[in-house]
C-alpha atoms as a PDB file:
ATOM      1  CA  UNK A   1      -7.766  48.358   5.123  1.00  0.00           C
ATOM      2  CA  UNK A   2      -6.730  46.837   1.809  1.00  0.00           C
ATOM      3  CA  UNK A   3      -3.389  47.925   0.405  1.00  0.00           C
ATOM      4  CA  UNK A   4      -3.342  49.356  -3.137  1.00  0.00           C
ATOM      5  CA  UNK A   5      -3.141  46.699  -5.835  1.00  0.00           C
ATOM      6  CA  UNK A   6      -0.578  46.889  -8.603  1.00  0.00           C
ATOM      7  CA  UNK A   7      -1.408  45.482 -12.032  1.00  0.00           C
ATOM      8  CA  UNK A   8       0.005  41.987 -12.405  1.00  0.00           C
ATOM      9  CA  UNK A   9       1.973  42.849 -15.558  1.00  0.00           C
ATOM     10  CA  UNK A  10       3.688  45.787 -13.821  1.00  0.00           C
ATOM     11  CA  UNK A  11       4.520  43.683 -10.751  1.00  0.00           C
ATOM     12  CA  UNK A  12       6.040  40.941 -12.937  1.00  0.00           C
ATOM     13  CA  UNK A  13       8.133  43.480 -14.868  1.00  0.00           C
ATOM     14  CA  UNK A  14       9.396  44.942 -11.581  1.00  0.00           C
ATOM     15  CA  UNK A  15      10.384  41.511 -10.246  1.00  0.00           C
ATOM     16  CA  UNK A  16      12.282  40.704 -13.430  1.00  0.00           C
ATOM     17  CA  UNK A  17      14.140  44.001 -13.039  1.00  0.00           C
ATOM     18  CA  UNK A  18      14.961  43.224  -9.376  1.00  0.00           C
ATOM     19  CA  UNK A  19      16.283  39.813 -10.383  1.00  0.00           C
ATOM     20  CA  UNK A  20      18.372  41.281 -13.200  1.00  0.00           C
ATOM     21  CA  UNK A  21      19.912  43.807 -10.810  1.00  0.00           C
ATOM     22  CA  UNK A  22      20.797  40.939  -8.462  1.00  0.00           C
ATOM     23  CA  UNK A  23      22.222  38.751 -11.259  1.00  0.00           C
ATOM     24  CA  UNK A  24      19.424  36.189 -11.051  1.00  0.00           C
ATOM     25  CA  UNK A  25      17.856  34.846 -14.223  1.00  0.00           C
ATOM     26  CA  UNK A  26      14.067  35.394 -14.333  1.00  0.00           C
ATOM     27  CA  UNK A  27      11.630  34.590 -17.133  1.00  0.00           C
ATOM     28  CA  UNK A  28       7.881  34.759 -17.568  1.00  0.00           C
ATOM     29  CA  UNK A  29       6.784  31.159 -18.109  1.00  0.00           C
ATOM     30  CA  UNK A  30       3.147  32.123 -18.605  1.00  0.00           C
ATOM     31  CA  UNK A  31       1.413  35.420 -19.168  1.00  0.00           C
ATOM     32  CA  UNK A  32      -1.871  35.850 -17.391  1.00  0.00           C
ATOM     33  CA  UNK A  33      -4.390  38.643 -17.197  1.00  0.00           C
ATOM     34  CA  UNK A  34      -2.351  41.876 -17.399  1.00  0.00           C
ATOM     35  CA  UNK A  35      -4.473  43.670 -14.820  1.00  0.00           C
ATOM     36  CA  UNK A  36      -5.522  41.175 -12.175  1.00  0.00           C
ATOM     37  CA  UNK A  37      -4.084  37.745 -12.904  1.00  0.00           C
ATOM     38  CA  UNK A  38      -3.000  35.682  -9.931  1.00  0.00           C
ATOM     39  CA  UNK A  39       0.731  35.105  -9.443  1.00  0.00           C
ATOM     40  CA  UNK A  40       2.842  31.989  -9.023  1.00  0.00           C
ATOM     41  CA  UNK A  41       6.624  32.110  -8.565  1.00  0.00           C
ATOM     42  CA  UNK A  42       8.807  29.080  -9.214  1.00  0.00           C
ATOM     43  CA  UNK A  43      12.181  29.338  -7.484  1.00  0.00           C
ATOM     44  CA  UNK A  44      14.308  26.823  -9.390  1.00  0.00           C
ATOM     45  CA  UNK A  45      17.142  25.586  -7.164  1.00  0.00           C
ATOM     46  CA  UNK A  46      18.922  24.131 -10.245  1.00  0.00           C
ATOM     47  CA  UNK A  47      19.391  20.785  -8.512  1.00  0.00           C
ATOM     48  CA  UNK A  48      16.228  19.008  -9.646  1.00  0.00           C
ATOM     49  CA  UNK A  49      13.991  20.750  -7.113  1.00  0.00           C
ATOM     50  CA  UNK A  50      12.065  24.006  -6.827  1.00  0.00           C
ATOM     51  CA  UNK A  51       9.981  25.996  -4.392  1.00  0.00           C
ATOM     52  CA  UNK A  52       6.613  27.438  -5.362  1.00  0.00           C
ATOM     53  CA  UNK A  53       5.129  30.633  -3.991  1.00  0.00           C
ATOM     54  CA  UNK A  54       1.494  31.509  -4.631  1.00  0.00           C
ATOM     55  CA  UNK A  55       0.256  35.035  -3.990  1.00  0.00           C
ATOM     56  CA  UNK A  56      -2.708  35.294  -1.641  1.00  0.00           C
ATOM     57  CA  UNK A  57      -4.354  37.605   0.915  1.00  0.00           C
ATOM     58  CA  UNK A  58      -4.656  37.051   4.650  1.00  0.00           C
ATOM     59  CA  UNK A  59      -7.802  37.668   6.718  1.00  0.00           C
ATOM     60  CA  UNK A  60      -7.004  41.391   6.938  1.00  0.00           C
ATOM     61  CA  UNK A  61      -6.564  41.710   3.165  1.00  0.00           C
ATOM     62  CA  UNK A  62      -2.780  42.023   3.367  1.00  0.00           C
ATOM     63  CA  UNK A  63      -0.802  40.405   0.556  1.00  0.00           C
ATOM     64  CA  UNK A  64       1.147  37.269   1.528  1.00  0.00           C
ATOM     65  CA  UNK A  65       2.883  34.422  -0.286  1.00  0.00           C
ATOM     66  CA  UNK A  66       1.802  30.860   0.405  1.00  0.00           C
ATOM     67  CA  UNK A  67       4.592  28.317   0.086  1.00  0.00           C
ATOM     68  CA  UNK A  68       2.725  25.914  -2.207  1.00  0.00           C
ATOM     69  CA  UNK A  69       5.680  23.528  -2.192  1.00  0.00           C
ATOM     70  CA  UNK A  70       5.514  23.112   1.586  1.00  0.00           C
ATOM     71  CA  UNK A  71       8.441  23.390   3.958  1.00  0.00           C
ATOM     72  CA  UNK A  72      10.860  21.573   1.628  1.00  0.00           C
ATOM     73  CA  UNK A  73      11.473  22.063  -2.113  1.00  0.00           C
ATOM     74  CA  UNK A  74       9.539  19.782  -4.487  1.00  0.00           C
ATOM     75  CA  UNK A  75      10.937  17.633  -7.294  1.00  0.00           C
ATOM     76  CA  UNK A  76      10.787  19.461 -10.626  1.00  0.00           C
ATOM     77  CA  UNK A  77       8.323  16.934 -12.094  1.00  0.00           C
ATOM     78  CA  UNK A  78       5.926  17.561  -9.184  1.00  0.00           C
ATOM     79  CA  UNK A  79       6.346  21.306  -9.613  1.00  0.00           C
ATOM     80  CA  UNK A  80       5.438  21.076 -13.300  1.00  0.00           C
ATOM     81  CA  UNK A  81       2.354  18.989 -12.483  1.00  0.00           C
ATOM     82  CA  UNK A  82       1.268  21.544  -9.857  1.00  0.00           C
ATOM     83  CA  UNK A  83       1.724  24.443 -12.293  1.00  0.00           C
ATOM     84  CA  UNK A  84      -0.339  22.643 -14.953  1.00  0.00           C
ATOM     85  CA  UNK A  85      -3.170  21.995 -12.472  1.00  0.00           C
ATOM     86  CA  UNK A  86      -3.194  25.671 -11.486  1.00  0.00           C
ATOM     87  CA  UNK A  87      -3.297  26.752 -15.144  1.00  0.00           C
ATOM     88  CA  UNK A  88      -6.252  24.432 -15.783  1.00  0.00           C
ATOM     89  CA  UNK A  89      -8.166  25.972 -12.849  1.00  0.00           C
ATOM     90  CA  UNK A  90      -7.081  29.567 -13.504  1.00  0.00           C
ATOM     91  CA  UNK A  91      -6.290  30.507 -17.120  1.00  0.00           C
ATOM     92  CA  UNK A  92      -5.432  34.084 -16.023  1.00  0.00           C
ATOM     93  CA  UNK A  93      -2.485  33.014 -13.827  1.00  0.00           C
ATOM     94  CA  UNK A  94       1.035  34.370 -14.312  1.00  0.00           C
ATOM     95  CA  UNK A  95       4.019  32.074 -13.757  1.00  0.00           C
ATOM     96  CA  UNK A  96       7.378  33.707 -13.057  1.00  0.00           C
ATOM     97  CA  UNK A  97      10.395  31.398 -12.938  1.00  0.00           C
ATOM     98  CA  UNK A  98      13.569  32.478 -11.164  1.00  0.00           C
ATOM     99  CA  UNK A  99      16.840  30.557 -11.151  1.00  0.00           C
ATOM    100  CA  UNK A 100      17.845  30.821  -7.514  1.00  0.00           C
ATOM    101  CA  UNK A 101      20.369  28.165  -6.519  1.00  0.00           C
ATOM    102  CA  UNK A 102      21.407  30.005  -3.339  1.00  0.00           C
ATOM    103  CA  UNK A 103      17.936  31.104  -2.086  1.00  0.00           C
ATOM    104  CA  UNK A 104      18.728  34.786  -2.615  1.00  0.00           C
ATOM    105  CA  UNK A 105      15.305  35.883  -3.897  1.00  0.00           C
ATOM    106  CA  UNK A 106      13.267  37.637  -1.214  1.00  0.00           C
ATOM    107  CA  UNK A 107       9.524  38.045  -1.849  1.00  0.00           C
ATOM    108  CA  UNK A 108       7.975  41.460  -1.330  1.00  0.00           C
ATOM    109  CA  UNK A 109       5.501  40.153   1.272  1.00  0.00           C
ATOM    110  CA  UNK A 110       5.576  37.616   4.130  1.00  0.00           C
ATOM    111  CA  UNK A 111       5.815  33.912   3.221  1.00  0.00           C
ATOM    112  CA  UNK A 112       3.491  31.439   4.933  1.00  0.00           C
ATOM    113  CA  UNK A 113       4.373  27.739   4.887  1.00  0.00           C
END
């Protein structure tokens, strides 16, 4: 059974609020479709590297996060190139960037590497 879907704009606003409450800087890098845009989170480690999480669904329809950066963080230049490729393929995508030097941000669904 599919879980209820929250509008992308509401989910983004909630994540920014969570980050603010946890003293993490979060900004919307790109606004996508307010209702159903796909989501990409950049976790900036502030050391020249970042991790990328891309929202997806598993075979049962449950929301998960795919670790687009792989097991290890990617160089910032590679992250920017990846984001640009995703924007070219999906103009409705949202990009949320979180400054997270200490890996404190916890996604609201399981992360798959």
